[in-house]
Amino acid sequence: MAKISSIHILFFVFITSGIADSATVFTLQNSCAYTVWPGTLSGNSITLGDGGFPLTPGASVQLTAPTGWSGRFWARTGCNFDASGHGTCVTGDCGGVLKCTGGGVPPATLAEFTVGSSNAGMDFYDVSLVDGYNVKMGIKPQGGFGNCKYAGCVSDINEICPSELRIMDPNS
């Protein structure tokens, strides 16, 4: 991997930009036709975006991560939260709260990142289905240096998933 200045994601658009080599700005954009509630989990640093928030179709938000940050983002779907931030999500739920303090419950497609910590300040990223699949997601690096490639799962793999392994929204 190499140092990247922006990343483009399908369910989210992740755009990362270096700020004086001391931070990375992620722009998360919801490209779905429905609201998603991004969950964030930091591995070794500050929690980004308070751990979670709603993101309406077409909306975007910027989150700033310090050098050396590692963590993951995922889309929670079918969520319903009360005024105090308690509720549930059909996929990706994180303990029944809006602001996650841990990982999401599978199934949840993950975008995972480690930014500028070792290996000459290079960034590492992937789209992972280790926790299952719930939305299309792709990462398209932009800017920076090196030979960063597109990563993603942009097909609806629910179409080929055995019915006994699917978790479906009972309201749709």
N, C-alpha and C. Protein backbone atom coordinates (compact mmCIF):
# COMPACT_ATOMS: atom_id res chain seq x y z
N MET A 1 0.84 -1.17 0.00
CA MET A 1 0.00 0.00 0.00
C MET A 1 0.89 1.25 0.00
N ALA A 2 0.26 2.38 -0.10
CA ALA A 2 0.99 3.64 -0.15
C ALA A 2 0.19 4.70 0.58
N LYS A 3 0.72 5.90 0.59
CA LYS A 3 0.00 7.02 1.21
C LYS A 3 -1.07 7.48 0.24
N ILE A 4 -2.30 7.60 0.71
CA ILE A 4 -3.39 8.03 -0.15
C ILE A 4 -3.96 9.33 0.37
N SER A 5 -4.48 10.12 -0.55
CA SER A 5 -5.07 11.38 -0.11
C SER A 5 -6.59 11.35 -0.15
N SER A 6 -7.16 10.38 -0.86
CA SER A 6 -8.61 10.25 -0.81
C SER A 6 -9.03 8.84 -1.16
N ILE A 7 -10.20 8.47 -0.66
CA ILE A 7 -10.75 7.15 -0.90
C ILE A 7 -12.22 7.31 -1.21
N HIS A 8 -12.71 6.60 -2.20
CA HIS A 8 -14.11 6.68 -2.61
C HIS A 8 -14.78 5.34 -2.33
N ILE A 9 -15.88 5.38 -1.59
CA ILE A 9 -16.62 4.16 -1.24
C ILE A 9 -18.04 4.25 -1.75
N LEU A 10 -18.63 3.13 -2.06
CA LEU A 10 -19.98 3.12 -2.62
C LEU A 10 -21.06 3.38 -1.58
N PHE A 11 -21.17 2.57 -0.58
CA PHE A 11 -22.20 2.83 0.43
C PHE A 11 -21.84 4.08 1.17
N PHE A 12 -20.57 4.17 1.47
CA PHE A 12 -19.98 5.39 1.98
C PHE A 12 -19.04 5.85 0.90
N VAL A 13 -18.77 7.10 0.87
CA VAL A 13 -17.62 7.56 0.12
C VAL A 13 -16.61 7.92 1.19
N PHE A 14 -15.50 7.22 1.19
CA PHE A 14 -14.43 7.54 2.12
C PHE A 14 -13.40 8.32 1.35
N ILE A 15 -13.26 9.57 1.67
CA ILE A 15 -12.22 10.38 1.04
C ILE A 15 -11.27 10.76 2.15
N THR A 16 -10.02 10.38 1.99
CA THR A 16 -9.05 10.72 3.02
C THR A 16 -8.07 11.72 2.45
N SER A 17 -7.77 12.72 3.21
CA SER A 17 -6.81 13.74 2.80
C SER A 17 -5.86 14.01 3.94
N GLY A 18 -4.57 14.02 3.65
CA GLY A 18 -3.59 14.33 4.68
C GLY A 18 -3.63 15.81 5.03
N ILE A 19 -3.56 16.12 6.29
CA ILE A 19 -3.48 17.51 6.76
C ILE A 19 -2.11 17.68 7.40
N ALA A 20 -1.21 18.24 6.64
CA ALA A 20 0.16 18.47 7.13
C ALA A 20 0.75 17.19 7.71
N ASP A 21 0.47 16.05 7.06
CA ASP A 21 1.01 14.76 7.49
C ASP A 21 0.70 14.43 8.94
N SER A 22 -0.32 15.04 9.52
CA SER A 22 -0.62 14.75 10.92
C SER A 22 -2.03 14.19 11.11
N ALA A 23 -2.82 14.15 10.06
CA ALA A 23 -4.18 13.66 10.20
C ALA A 23 -4.70 13.18 8.85
N THR A 24 -5.77 12.45 8.88
CA THR A 24 -6.46 12.00 7.69
C THR A 24 -7.93 12.38 7.82
N VAL A 25 -8.49 12.97 6.78
CA VAL A 25 -9.90 13.33 6.79
C VAL A 25 -10.66 12.30 5.96
N PHE A 26 -11.61 11.62 6.58
CA PHE A 26 -12.49 10.69 5.89
C PHE A 26 -13.79 11.41 5.58
N THR A 27 -14.22 11.35 4.34
CA THR A 27 -15.55 11.83 3.99
C THR A 27 -16.41 10.61 3.72
N LEU A 28 -17.43 10.41 4.53
CA LEU A 28 -18.33 9.29 4.38
C LEU A 28 -19.58 9.79 3.69
N GLN A 29 -19.93 9.19 2.57
CA GLN A 29 -21.13 9.58 1.83
C GLN A 29 -22.03 8.38 1.66
N ASN A 30 -23.30 8.56 1.95
CA ASN A 30 -24.27 7.49 1.78
C ASN A 30 -24.76 7.49 0.34
N SER A 31 -24.40 6.46 -0.42
CA SER A 31 -24.86 6.33 -1.80
C SER A 31 -26.04 5.38 -1.91
N CYS A 32 -26.59 4.96 -0.79
CA CYS A 32 -27.77 4.09 -0.77
C CYS A 32 -29.03 4.94 -0.94
N ALA A 33 -30.12 4.28 -1.28
CA ALA A 33 -31.41 4.96 -1.44
C ALA A 33 -32.15 5.08 -0.12
N TYR A 34 -31.51 4.70 0.96
CA TYR A 34 -32.13 4.71 2.29
C TYR A 34 -31.10 5.20 3.31
N THR A 35 -31.58 5.62 4.47
CA THR A 35 -30.69 6.08 5.54
C THR A 35 -29.89 4.90 6.08
N VAL A 36 -28.61 5.14 6.32
CA VAL A 36 -27.76 4.19 7.03
C VAL A 36 -27.24 4.91 8.28
N TRP A 37 -26.83 4.14 9.24
CA TRP A 37 -26.27 4.68 10.48
C TRP A 37 -24.85 4.14 10.57
N PRO A 38 -23.84 4.90 10.06
CA PRO A 38 -22.48 4.40 10.13
C PRO A 38 -22.07 4.12 11.58
N GLY A 39 -21.44 2.98 11.76
CA GLY A 39 -20.81 2.66 13.03
C GLY A 39 -19.32 2.83 12.87
N THR A 40 -18.64 3.31 13.90
CA THR A 40 -17.18 3.45 13.85
C THR A 40 -16.58 2.76 15.06
N LEU A 41 -15.47 2.10 14.82
CA LEU A 41 -14.73 1.45 15.89
C LEU A 41 -13.26 1.74 15.68
N SER A 42 -12.62 2.32 16.66
CA SER A 42 -11.19 2.65 16.59
C SER A 42 -10.40 1.59 17.31
N GLY A 43 -9.27 1.21 16.68
CA GLY A 43 -8.45 0.16 17.27
C GLY A 43 -7.50 0.65 18.34
N ASN A 44 -6.94 1.82 18.15
CA ASN A 44 -5.87 2.26 19.05
C ASN A 44 -5.85 3.76 19.28
N SER A 45 -6.96 4.42 19.05
CA SER A 45 -6.94 5.87 19.11
C SER A 45 -8.34 6.39 19.42
N ILE A 46 -8.56 7.65 19.12
CA ILE A 46 -9.84 8.28 19.40
C ILE A 46 -10.97 7.65 18.59
N THR A 47 -12.18 7.69 19.13
CA THR A 47 -13.36 7.23 18.41
C THR A 47 -13.80 8.33 17.46
N LEU A 48 -13.99 7.98 16.21
CA LEU A 48 -14.42 8.96 15.22
C LEU A 48 -15.94 9.04 15.16
N GLY A 49 -16.47 10.22 14.96
CA GLY A 49 -17.90 10.42 14.79
C GLY A 49 -18.73 9.98 15.98
N ASP A 50 -18.16 10.04 17.17
CA ASP A 50 -18.86 9.64 18.39
C ASP A 50 -19.30 8.18 18.36
N GLY A 51 -18.79 7.39 17.42
CA GLY A 51 -19.13 5.98 17.35
C GLY A 51 -20.29 5.67 16.43
N GLY A 52 -21.10 6.66 16.07
CA GLY A 52 -22.21 6.41 15.17
C GLY A 52 -23.15 7.59 15.04
N PHE A 53 -23.87 7.63 13.92
CA PHE A 53 -24.75 8.75 13.60
C PHE A 53 -25.59 8.35 12.39
N PRO A 54 -26.71 9.06 12.14
CA PRO A 54 -27.50 8.78 10.94
C PRO A 54 -26.91 9.49 9.72
N LEU A 55 -27.07 8.88 8.56
CA LEU A 55 -26.61 9.48 7.31
C LEU A 55 -27.68 9.21 6.25
N THR A 56 -28.39 10.26 5.86
CA THR A 56 -29.48 10.13 4.91
C THR A 56 -28.95 9.92 3.49
N PRO A 57 -29.79 9.45 2.57
CA PRO A 57 -29.34 9.21 1.19
C PRO A 57 -28.70 10.46 0.58
N GLY A 58 -27.51 10.29 0.01
CA GLY A 58 -26.79 11.39 -0.62
C GLY A 58 -26.02 12.29 0.32
N ALA A 59 -26.25 12.16 1.62
CA ALA A 59 -25.56 13.02 2.59
C ALA A 59 -24.13 12.54 2.82
N SER A 60 -23.30 13.44 3.31
CA SER A 60 -21.93 13.08 3.64
C SER A 60 -21.51 13.77 4.92
N VAL A 61 -20.46 13.24 5.53
CA VAL A 61 -19.90 13.80 6.76
C VAL A 61 -18.39 13.60 6.72
N GLN A 62 -17.65 14.51 7.33
CA GLN A 62 -16.19 14.39 7.40
C GLN A 62 -15.77 14.04 8.82
N LEU A 63 -14.85 13.08 8.92
CA LEU A 63 -14.28 12.67 10.20
C LEU A 63 -12.77 12.76 10.08
N THR A 64 -12.10 13.33 11.09
CA THR A 64 -10.65 13.50 11.06
C THR A 64 -9.99 12.50 11.99
N ALA A 65 -9.04 11.75 11.44
CA ALA A 65 -8.30 10.74 12.20
C ALA A 65 -6.84 11.16 12.31
N PRO A 66 -6.23 11.00 13.49
CA PRO A 66 -4.82 11.33 13.64
C PRO A 66 -3.92 10.30 12.96
N THR A 67 -2.70 10.67 12.67
CA THR A 67 -1.73 9.73 12.13
C THR A 67 -1.63 8.53 13.06
N GLY A 68 -1.60 7.36 12.47
CA GLY A 68 -1.52 6.13 13.26
C GLY A 68 -2.87 5.54 13.61
N TRP A 69 -3.96 6.22 13.24
CA TRP A 69 -5.30 5.72 13.56
C TRP A 69 -5.56 4.42 12.81
N SER A 70 -6.21 3.50 13.47
CA SER A 70 -6.71 2.31 12.80
C SER A 70 -8.13 2.07 13.28
N GLY A 71 -8.92 1.49 12.41
CA GLY A 71 -10.29 1.21 12.79
C GLY A 71 -11.13 0.76 11.62
N ARG A 72 -12.43 0.71 11.87
CA ARG A 72 -13.36 0.24 10.86
C ARG A 72 -14.63 1.08 10.87
N PHE A 73 -15.26 1.09 9.71
CA PHE A 73 -16.57 1.71 9.52
C PHE A 73 -17.50 0.65 8.96
N TRP A 74 -18.77 0.70 9.31
CA TRP A 74 -19.76 -0.19 8.71
C TRP A 74 -21.10 0.52 8.69
N ALA A 75 -21.98 0.05 7.82
CA ALA A 75 -23.32 0.63 7.71
C ALA A 75 -24.29 -0.20 8.52
N ARG A 76 -24.97 0.46 9.44
CA ARG A 76 -26.08 -0.19 10.13
C ARG A 76 -27.34 0.16 9.36
N THR A 77 -28.22 -0.82 9.19
CA THR A 77 -29.44 -0.61 8.41
C THR A 77 -30.67 -0.92 9.24
N GLY A 78 -31.78 -0.33 8.83
CA GLY A 78 -33.06 -0.59 9.48
C GLY A 78 -33.07 -0.20 10.95
N CYS A 79 -32.44 0.90 11.28
CA CYS A 79 -32.32 1.31 12.69
C CYS A 79 -33.51 2.15 13.13
N ASN A 80 -33.77 2.08 14.42
CA ASN A 80 -34.80 2.89 15.05
C ASN A 80 -34.30 3.25 16.45
N PHE A 81 -33.99 4.53 16.66
CA PHE A 81 -33.46 5.00 17.94
C PHE A 81 -34.41 6.00 18.58
N ASP A 82 -34.48 5.99 19.90
CA ASP A 82 -35.28 6.98 20.61
C ASP A 82 -34.44 8.24 20.84
N ALA A 83 -35.01 9.23 21.48
CA ALA A 83 -34.34 10.51 21.70
C ALA A 83 -33.07 10.37 22.54
N SER A 84 -32.99 9.33 23.35
CA SER A 84 -31.79 9.13 24.19
C SER A 84 -30.72 8.30 23.48
N GLY A 85 -30.95 7.91 22.20
CA GLY A 85 -29.95 7.16 21.45
C GLY A 85 -30.00 5.66 21.67
N HIS A 86 -31.08 5.16 22.24
CA HIS A 86 -31.24 3.71 22.43
C HIS A 86 -32.19 3.17 21.38
N GLY A 87 -31.91 1.96 20.88
CA GLY A 87 -32.75 1.35 19.87
C GLY A 87 -32.10 0.12 19.30
N THR A 88 -32.48 -0.25 18.10
CA THR A 88 -31.92 -1.43 17.45
C THR A 88 -31.76 -1.19 15.96
N CYS A 89 -30.94 -2.02 15.35
CA CYS A 89 -30.74 -2.01 13.91
C CYS A 89 -30.95 -3.44 13.40
N VAL A 90 -31.48 -3.58 12.18
CA VAL A 90 -31.67 -4.90 11.59
C VAL A 90 -30.32 -5.53 11.30
N THR A 91 -29.37 -4.76 10.75
CA THR A 91 -28.01 -5.27 10.52
C THR A 91 -26.99 -4.31 11.12
N GLY A 92 -25.89 -4.86 11.61
CA GLY A 92 -24.78 -4.06 12.12
C GLY A 92 -24.98 -3.45 13.49
N ASP A 93 -26.03 -3.83 14.20
CA ASP A 93 -26.34 -3.25 15.51
C ASP A 93 -25.12 -3.33 16.44
N CYS A 94 -24.96 -2.34 17.30
CA CYS A 94 -23.80 -2.33 18.21
C CYS A 94 -24.26 -2.10 19.65
N GLY A 95 -24.99 -3.06 20.16
CA GLY A 95 -25.39 -2.98 21.56
C GLY A 95 -26.62 -2.15 21.83
N GLY A 96 -27.41 -1.89 20.78
CA GLY A 96 -28.65 -1.15 20.98
C GLY A 96 -28.49 0.32 21.25
N VAL A 97 -27.37 0.90 20.78
CA VAL A 97 -27.13 2.33 20.98
C VAL A 97 -26.72 2.99 19.67
N LEU A 98 -27.02 4.28 19.55
CA LEU A 98 -26.64 5.05 18.36
C LEU A 98 -25.13 5.20 18.27
N LYS A 99 -24.49 5.50 19.40
CA LYS A 99 -23.05 5.76 19.45
C LYS A 99 -22.32 4.51 19.90
N CYS A 100 -21.79 3.76 18.93
CA CYS A 100 -21.16 2.47 19.20
C CYS A 100 -19.94 2.60 20.09
N THR A 101 -19.78 1.64 20.99
CA THR A 101 -18.58 1.55 21.82
C THR A 101 -17.87 0.23 21.57
N GLY A 102 -18.33 -0.52 20.60
CA GLY A 102 -17.73 -1.79 20.21
C GLY A 102 -18.14 -2.08 18.78
N GLY A 103 -17.77 -3.27 18.30
CA GLY A 103 -18.08 -3.64 16.94
C GLY A 103 -19.56 -3.92 16.73
N GLY A 104 -19.92 -4.06 15.46
CA GLY A 104 -21.30 -4.34 15.10
C GLY A 104 -21.58 -5.83 15.06
N VAL A 105 -22.84 -6.17 15.24
CA VAL A 105 -23.28 -7.56 15.16
C VAL A 105 -23.39 -7.95 13.69
N PRO A 106 -22.81 -9.08 13.29
CA PRO A 106 -22.95 -9.53 11.91
C PRO A 106 -24.43 -9.74 11.55
N PRO A 107 -24.77 -9.57 10.30
CA PRO A 107 -23.88 -9.28 9.18
C PRO A 107 -23.63 -7.78 9.02
N ALA A 108 -22.40 -7.45 8.64
CA ALA A 108 -22.03 -6.07 8.38
C ALA A 108 -20.79 -6.03 7.49
N THR A 109 -20.91 -5.40 6.33
CA THR A 109 -19.76 -5.18 5.46
C THR A 109 -18.86 -4.13 6.13
N LEU A 110 -17.56 -4.38 6.15
CA LEU A 110 -16.62 -3.50 6.85
C LEU A 110 -15.67 -2.79 5.90
N ALA A 111 -15.34 -1.54 6.20
CA ALA A 111 -14.22 -0.83 5.59
C ALA A 111 -13.20 -0.66 6.70
N GLU A 112 -12.00 -1.22 6.50
CA GLU A 112 -10.97 -1.22 7.55
C GLU A 112 -9.77 -0.40 7.09
N PHE A 113 -9.22 0.37 8.02
CA PHE A 113 -8.12 1.28 7.69
C PHE A 113 -7.06 1.30 8.77
N THR A 114 -5.80 1.47 8.35
CA THR A 114 -4.69 1.86 9.22
C THR A 114 -3.99 2.99 8.47
N VAL A 115 -3.90 4.15 9.09
CA VAL A 115 -3.36 5.30 8.37
C VAL A 115 -2.02 5.76 8.94
N GLY A 116 -1.04 5.87 8.03
CA GLY A 116 0.23 6.51 8.27
C GLY A 116 1.00 6.18 9.53
N SER A 117 1.03 4.94 9.96
CA SER A 117 1.72 4.66 11.22
C SER A 117 3.11 4.07 11.02
N SER A 118 3.24 3.10 10.17
CA SER A 118 4.53 2.45 9.95
C SER A 118 4.77 2.32 8.46
N ASN A 119 5.80 1.61 8.08
CA ASN A 119 6.09 1.41 6.65
C ASN A 119 6.11 2.72 5.88
N ALA A 120 6.93 3.65 6.34
CA ALA A 120 7.12 4.94 5.68
C ALA A 120 5.83 5.75 5.60
N GLY A 121 4.99 5.62 6.60
CA GLY A 121 3.77 6.42 6.65
C GLY A 121 2.69 5.98 5.68
N MET A 122 2.79 4.76 5.17
CA MET A 122 1.78 4.29 4.21
C MET A 122 0.46 3.98 4.91
N ASP A 123 -0.61 4.06 4.13
CA ASP A 123 -1.94 3.73 4.58
C ASP A 123 -2.32 2.35 4.06
N PHE A 124 -3.13 1.63 4.84
CA PHE A 124 -3.61 0.31 4.46
C PHE A 124 -5.12 0.30 4.59
N TYR A 125 -5.81 -0.36 3.68
CA TYR A 125 -7.26 -0.38 3.69
C TYR A 125 -7.78 -1.65 3.03
N ASP A 126 -8.98 -2.04 3.39
CA ASP A 126 -9.64 -3.16 2.73
C ASP A 126 -11.13 -3.11 3.00
N VAL A 127 -11.90 -3.77 2.15
CA VAL A 127 -13.31 -4.04 2.41
C VAL A 127 -13.36 -5.50 2.81
N SER A 128 -13.97 -5.77 3.96
CA SER A 128 -13.97 -7.12 4.52
C SER A 128 -15.39 -7.64 4.70
N LEU A 129 -15.55 -8.93 4.43
CA LEU A 129 -16.82 -9.61 4.67
C LEU A 129 -16.68 -10.60 5.82
N VAL A 130 -15.65 -10.43 6.65
CA VAL A 130 -15.42 -11.33 7.77
C VAL A 130 -16.61 -11.33 8.74
N ASP A 131 -17.32 -10.20 8.81
CA ASP A 131 -18.52 -10.10 9.65
C ASP A 131 -19.80 -10.23 8.84
N GLY A 132 -19.70 -10.77 7.63
CA GLY A 132 -20.87 -10.94 6.78
C GLY A 132 -21.03 -9.78 5.81
N TYR A 133 -22.17 -9.75 5.14
CA TYR A 133 -22.46 -8.76 4.10
C TYR A 133 -23.83 -8.14 4.36
N ASN A 134 -23.89 -6.80 4.31
CA ASN A 134 -25.20 -6.16 4.40
C ASN A 134 -25.41 -5.03 3.39
N VAL A 135 -24.36 -4.44 2.86
CA VAL A 135 -24.48 -3.39 1.84
C VAL A 135 -23.31 -3.48 0.88
N LYS A 136 -23.52 -2.95 -0.33
CA LYS A 136 -22.42 -2.84 -1.29
C LYS A 136 -21.44 -1.80 -0.77
N MET A 137 -20.15 -2.03 -0.98
CA MET A 137 -19.15 -1.08 -0.50
C MET A 137 -17.91 -1.18 -1.38
N GLY A 138 -17.32 -0.05 -1.71
CA GLY A 138 -16.09 -0.02 -2.48
C GLY A 138 -15.22 1.14 -2.05
N ILE A 139 -13.92 0.94 -2.12
CA ILE A 139 -12.94 1.98 -1.77
C ILE A 139 -12.15 2.31 -3.03
N LYS A 140 -12.18 3.55 -3.43
CA LYS A 140 -11.43 4.01 -4.61
C LYS A 140 -10.48 5.11 -4.18
N PRO A 141 -9.19 4.79 -4.02
CA PRO A 141 -8.22 5.81 -3.60
C PRO A 141 -8.07 6.90 -4.65
N GLN A 142 -7.84 8.11 -4.18
CA GLN A 142 -7.61 9.25 -5.06
C GLN A 142 -6.48 10.09 -4.48
N GLY A 143 -5.57 10.54 -5.33
CA GLY A 143 -4.49 11.41 -4.89
C GLY A 143 -3.42 10.65 -4.13
N GLY A 144 -2.59 11.37 -3.40
CA GLY A 144 -1.51 10.75 -2.64
C GLY A 144 -0.42 10.24 -3.55
N PHE A 145 0.29 9.22 -3.08
CA PHE A 145 1.35 8.64 -3.90
C PHE A 145 1.31 7.13 -3.76
N GLY A 146 1.98 6.45 -4.68
CA GLY A 146 2.00 5.00 -4.67
C GLY A 146 1.01 4.45 -5.68
N ASN A 147 0.79 3.15 -5.59
CA ASN A 147 -0.04 2.45 -6.56
C ASN A 147 -1.26 1.86 -5.86
N CYS A 148 -2.07 2.71 -5.28
CA CYS A 148 -3.26 2.26 -4.54
C CYS A 148 -4.36 1.87 -5.51
N LYS A 149 -5.00 0.73 -5.26
CA LYS A 149 -6.02 0.18 -6.15
C LYS A 149 -7.39 0.21 -5.50
N TYR A 150 -8.38 0.07 -6.32
CA TYR A 150 -9.77 -0.05 -5.89
C TYR A 150 -9.95 -1.34 -5.09
N ALA A 151 -10.73 -1.28 -4.04
CA ALA A 151 -11.09 -2.48 -3.27
C ALA A 151 -12.58 -2.40 -3.00
N GLY A 152 -13.27 -3.52 -3.11
CA GLY A 152 -14.68 -3.45 -2.80
C GLY A 152 -15.46 -4.72 -3.04
N CYS A 153 -16.68 -4.68 -2.62
CA CYS A 153 -17.67 -5.71 -2.86
C CYS A 153 -18.92 -4.96 -3.28
N VAL A 154 -19.08 -4.78 -4.59
CA VAL A 154 -20.16 -3.93 -5.10
C VAL A 154 -21.26 -4.72 -5.80
N SER A 155 -21.26 -6.01 -5.63
CA SER A 155 -22.35 -6.84 -6.12
C SER A 155 -23.26 -7.17 -4.96
N ASP A 156 -24.53 -7.38 -5.24
CA ASP A 156 -25.46 -7.79 -4.19
C ASP A 156 -25.31 -9.29 -4.00
N ILE A 157 -24.45 -9.69 -3.07
CA ILE A 157 -24.20 -11.12 -2.90
C ILE A 157 -25.35 -11.82 -2.18
N ASN A 158 -26.33 -11.07 -1.70
CA ASN A 158 -27.52 -11.72 -1.14
C ASN A 158 -28.24 -12.55 -2.20
N GLU A 159 -28.08 -12.17 -3.48
CA GLU A 159 -28.72 -12.91 -4.57
C GLU A 159 -28.23 -14.34 -4.65
N ILE A 160 -26.98 -14.60 -4.25
CA ILE A 160 -26.44 -15.96 -4.32
C ILE A 160 -26.25 -16.59 -2.95
N CYS A 161 -26.61 -15.87 -1.92
CA CYS A 161 -26.47 -16.38 -0.55
C CYS A 161 -27.60 -17.38 -0.26
N PRO A 162 -27.27 -18.55 0.30
CA PRO A 162 -28.32 -19.50 0.66
C PRO A 162 -29.33 -18.86 1.62
N SER A 163 -30.60 -19.12 1.41
CA SER A 163 -31.66 -18.46 2.18
C SER A 163 -31.51 -18.68 3.68
N GLU A 164 -30.99 -19.83 4.09
CA GLU A 164 -30.83 -20.09 5.52
C GLU A 164 -29.74 -19.24 6.17
N LEU A 165 -28.90 -18.61 5.36
CA LEU A 165 -27.84 -17.75 5.89
C LEU A 165 -28.18 -16.27 5.79
N ARG A 166 -29.29 -15.94 5.18
CA ARG A 166 -29.69 -14.55 5.00
C ARG A 166 -30.38 -14.01 6.25
N ILE A 167 -30.13 -12.73 6.51
CA ILE A 167 -30.90 -12.00 7.52
C ILE A 167 -31.61 -10.90 6.75
N MET A 168 -32.92 -10.97 6.72
CA MET A 168 -33.71 -10.04 5.92
C MET A 168 -34.48 -9.08 6.83
N ASP A 169 -34.70 -7.88 6.33
CA ASP A 169 -35.50 -6.89 7.05
C ASP A 169 -36.96 -7.31 6.96
N PRO A 170 -37.59 -7.58 8.09
CA PRO A 170 -38.98 -8.03 8.05
C PRO A 170 -39.96 -6.96 7.56
N ASN A 171 -39.51 -5.71 7.47
CA ASN A 171 -40.38 -4.62 7.04
C ASN A 171 -40.27 -4.32 5.56
N SER A 172 -39.45 -5.09 4.84
CA SER A 172 -39.31 -4.80 3.40
C SER A 172 -39.29 -6.06 2.58
